[in-house]
Amino acid sequence: KPIDIDELARKINEAVKKAQENNAEEKTKEDVPDAALSINVMIVDDEEDLLDSLQRIFTRRKINTVTASSGPKALELLEHGLVDVMVLDVKMPVMDGLEVLKIVKKKYPSIQVIMLSGHPSVEAALNGVRLGASEYLKKPPDIDRLVETIRNLYRQRQAIIEEQQRKLIEDIKQRYTD
């Protein structure tokens, strides 16, 4: 005080404009990963309610989702189309998650696997990691953490694929110098 009204109006306009720019940037950051990433996830769990709810949540977050209610069904689905990330229940009848994980990592090593357990244990977590799981979470999962983990694993997978392609291109260039 005393206030120059013109100066105050200018400062308010600047603040509003900056806030609008920041909001537009954040909206772009939120929209771009979903649109650009186009993540394909498979959820494998014998609990139908969990499958349905996770599929709805992922769909709303623009994550392509396929579900399987058993290990054998998941392996069958992978024969017809690969996914980027698998969310895999540890305890299931017929074939448990660790058995599925062994087969997935042997046949499809680039698939990132998140293990889920309603009865988490250090032993199961360590076994999962030793077999190639990228994460081990308890049920019910914190949705934001699960989605962020899926996105991070997808990015890691893409970086590995890009690095492999870069190395292959360099190798080809060295072998076939024209």
Protein backbone atom coordinates (compact mmCIF):
# COMPACT_ATOMS: atom_id res chain seq x y z
CA LYS A 1 0.00 0.00 0.00
CA PRO A 2 -0.36 2.35 -1.71
CA ILE A 3 -1.08 0.09 -4.72
CA ASP A 4 -0.57 0.98 -8.34
CA ILE A 5 -3.72 -0.61 -9.82
CA ASP A 6 -2.18 -0.99 -13.28
CA GLU A 7 0.86 -2.76 -11.82
CA LEU A 8 -1.38 -5.05 -9.71
CA ALA A 9 -3.53 -5.92 -12.75
CA ARG A 10 -0.40 -6.68 -14.80
CA LYS A 11 0.95 -9.00 -12.04
CA ILE A 12 -2.40 -10.80 -11.75
CA ASN A 13 -2.55 -11.30 -15.53
CA GLU A 14 1.02 -12.65 -15.53
CA ALA A 15 0.20 -15.06 -12.70
CA VAL A 16 -2.96 -16.30 -14.44
CA LYS A 17 -1.12 -16.74 -17.74
CA LYS A 18 1.72 -18.65 -16.04
CA ALA A 19 -0.79 -20.90 -14.20
CA GLN A 20 -2.58 -21.64 -17.49
CA GLU A 21 0.74 -22.51 -19.17
CA ASN A 22 1.70 -24.80 -16.26
CA ASN A 23 -1.69 -26.52 -16.38
CA ALA A 24 -1.36 -27.01 -20.14
CA GLU A 25 2.16 -28.45 -19.65
CA GLU A 26 0.95 -30.85 -16.94
CA LYS A 27 -2.02 -31.93 -19.04
CA THR A 28 0.34 -32.58 -21.96
CA LYS A 29 2.68 -34.57 -19.72
CA GLU A 30 -0.24 -36.68 -18.49
CA ASP A 31 -1.71 -37.20 -21.95
CA VAL A 32 1.52 -37.91 -23.81
CA PRO A 33 2.67 -40.95 -21.80
CA ASP A 34 -0.70 -42.68 -22.17
CA ALA A 35 -1.04 -41.90 -25.87
CA ALA A 36 2.62 -42.37 -26.77
CA LEU A 37 3.30 -45.42 -24.64
CA SER A 38 0.41 -47.64 -25.75
CA ILE A 39 1.22 -50.21 -23.08
CA ASN A 40 -0.08 -53.77 -23.39
CA VAL A 41 -0.63 -55.47 -20.02
CA MET A 42 -1.79 -58.94 -19.10
CA ILE A 43 -3.34 -59.48 -15.68
CA VAL A 44 -3.22 -63.09 -14.49
CA ASP A 45 -5.25 -63.89 -11.39
CA ASP A 46 -7.78 -66.51 -10.32
CA GLU A 47 -9.94 -63.83 -8.64
CA GLU A 48 -12.42 -62.72 -11.30
CA ASP A 49 -13.44 -59.58 -9.36
CA LEU A 50 -9.84 -58.38 -9.20
CA LEU A 51 -9.38 -59.08 -12.91
CA ASP A 52 -12.49 -57.09 -13.79
CA SER A 53 -11.70 -54.13 -11.57
CA LEU A 54 -8.06 -53.85 -12.66
CA GLN A 55 -9.08 -54.13 -16.31
CA ARG A 56 -11.59 -51.28 -15.89
CA ILE A 57 -9.03 -49.13 -14.05
CA PHE A 58 -6.32 -49.75 -16.65
CA THR A 59 -8.71 -49.08 -19.52
CA ARG A 60 -9.63 -45.71 -17.98
CA ARG A 61 -5.91 -44.95 -17.82
CA LYS A 62 -5.51 -45.90 -21.48
CA ILE A 63 -3.56 -49.09 -20.80
CA ASN A 64 -4.47 -51.95 -23.17
CA THR A 65 -5.39 -54.91 -21.01
CA VAL A 66 -5.98 -58.61 -21.50
CA THR A 67 -6.88 -60.91 -18.62
CA ALA A 68 -6.34 -64.57 -17.82
CA SER A 69 -7.87 -66.43 -14.90
CA SER A 70 -5.15 -69.10 -14.76
CA GLY A 71 -1.51 -69.69 -15.58
CA PRO A 72 -2.21 -72.07 -18.47
CA LYS A 73 -4.68 -69.58 -19.98
CA ALA A 74 -2.06 -66.80 -19.74
CA LEU A 75 0.53 -68.94 -21.53
CA GLU A 76 -2.02 -69.80 -24.21
CA LEU A 77 -2.82 -66.11 -24.75
CA LEU A 78 0.90 -65.29 -25.05
CA GLU A 79 1.13 -67.77 -27.95
CA HIS A 80 -1.22 -65.46 -29.88
CA GLY A 81 0.15 -62.07 -28.87
CA LEU A 82 2.82 -60.68 -26.60
CA VAL A 83 2.39 -58.06 -23.92
CA ASP A 84 4.82 -55.54 -22.46
CA VAL A 85 4.03 -56.12 -18.79
CA MET A 86 2.39 -58.99 -16.93
CA VAL A 87 0.75 -58.56 -13.51
CA LEU A 88 0.87 -62.08 -12.09
CA ASP A 89 -0.75 -63.54 -8.97
CA VAL A 90 1.62 -65.70 -6.93
CA LYS A 91 -0.92 -68.22 -5.58
CA MET A 92 -3.25 -69.80 -8.11
CA PRO A 93 -4.64 -73.31 -8.50
CA VAL A 94 -3.28 -75.68 -11.16
CA MET A 95 -0.17 -73.60 -11.90
CA ASP A 96 1.13 -70.99 -9.45
CA GLY A 97 2.64 -67.66 -10.42
CA LEU A 98 6.24 -68.77 -9.92
CA GLU A 99 5.76 -71.65 -12.38
CA VAL A 100 4.20 -69.25 -14.90
CA LEU A 101 7.04 -66.77 -14.32
CA LYS A 102 9.68 -69.43 -15.10
CA ILE A 103 8.05 -70.27 -18.42
CA VAL A 104 7.38 -66.64 -19.36
CA LYS A 105 10.97 -65.56 -18.69
CA LYS A 106 12.32 -68.54 -20.64
CA LYS A 107 10.06 -68.12 -23.69
CA TYR A 108 9.45 -64.34 -23.59
CA PRO A 109 12.35 -62.75 -21.66
CA SER A 110 11.44 -59.18 -22.63
CA ILE A 111 8.08 -59.29 -20.81
CA GLN A 112 8.31 -57.37 -17.54
CA VAL A 113 6.56 -59.19 -14.68
CA ILE A 114 5.01 -57.74 -11.53
CA MET A 115 4.17 -60.40 -8.94
CA LEU A 116 1.06 -59.85 -6.75
CA SER A 117 0.36 -61.71 -3.54
CA GLY A 118 -2.46 -61.67 -1.05
CA HIS A 119 -0.09 -63.35 1.41
CA PRO A 120 3.27 -61.69 0.76
CA SER A 121 6.40 -63.35 2.03
CA VAL A 122 10.07 -62.54 1.74
CA GLU A 123 10.77 -66.04 0.41
CA ALA A 124 8.21 -65.75 -2.40
CA ALA A 125 9.45 -62.26 -3.25
CA LEU A 126 13.08 -63.41 -3.44
CA ASN A 127 12.14 -66.46 -5.52
CA GLY A 128 10.18 -64.22 -7.89
CA VAL A 129 13.06 -61.79 -8.30
CA ARG A 130 15.53 -64.66 -8.82
CA LEU A 131 13.27 -65.98 -11.59
CA GLY A 132 13.12 -62.58 -13.28
CA ALA A 133 10.21 -60.67 -11.74
CA SER A 134 10.71 -56.91 -11.81
CA GLU A 135 8.49 -56.09 -8.82
CA TYR A 136 6.58 -57.79 -6.00
CA LEU A 137 3.48 -56.09 -4.58
CA LYS A 138 0.85 -57.11 -2.06
CA LYS A 139 -2.88 -57.36 -2.75
CA PRO A 140 -4.86 -55.32 -3.01
CA PRO A 141 -2.32 -53.19 -4.82
CA ASP A 142 -2.12 -49.42 -4.47
CA ILE A 143 -3.46 -48.53 -7.92
CA ASP A 144 -1.35 -45.41 -8.46
CA ARG A 145 1.80 -47.30 -7.51
CA LEU A 146 0.85 -50.24 -9.73
CA VAL A 147 0.14 -48.00 -12.74
CA GLU A 148 3.36 -46.04 -12.20
CA THR A 149 5.32 -49.31 -11.88
CA ILE A 150 3.77 -50.58 -15.14
CA ARG A 151 4.71 -47.35 -16.93
CA ASN A 152 8.26 -47.41 -15.56
CA LEU A 153 8.77 -51.06 -16.53
CA TYR A 154 7.42 -50.32 -19.99
CA ARG A 155 9.89 -47.46 -20.40
CA GLN A 156 12.75 -49.69 -19.20
CA ARG A 157 11.70 -52.39 -21.66
CA GLN A 158 11.58 -49.87 -24.51
CA ALA A 159 15.02 -48.54 -23.60
CA ILE A 160 16.47 -52.07 -23.66
CA ILE A 161 14.87 -52.77 -27.05
CA GLU A 162 16.16 -49.47 -28.47
CA GLU A 163 19.67 -50.21 -27.17
CA GLN A 164 19.57 -53.70 -28.72
CA GLN A 165 18.48 -52.19 -32.04
CA ARG A 166 21.23 -49.56 -31.86
CA LYS A 167 23.85 -52.26 -31.22
CA LEU A 168 22.53 -54.39 -34.07
CA ILE A 169 22.64 -51.42 -36.46
CA GLU A 170 26.23 -50.66 -35.40
CA ASP A 171 27.17 -54.32 -35.85
CA ILE A 172 25.63 -54.43 -39.32
CA LYS A 173 27.41 -51.20 -40.30
CA GLN A 174 30.76 -52.63 -39.15
CA ARG A 175 30.22 -55.94 -40.99
CA TYR A 176 28.97 -54.38 -44.21
CA THR A 177 30.95 -51.24 -44.80
CA ASP A 178 30.08 -49.86 -48.23
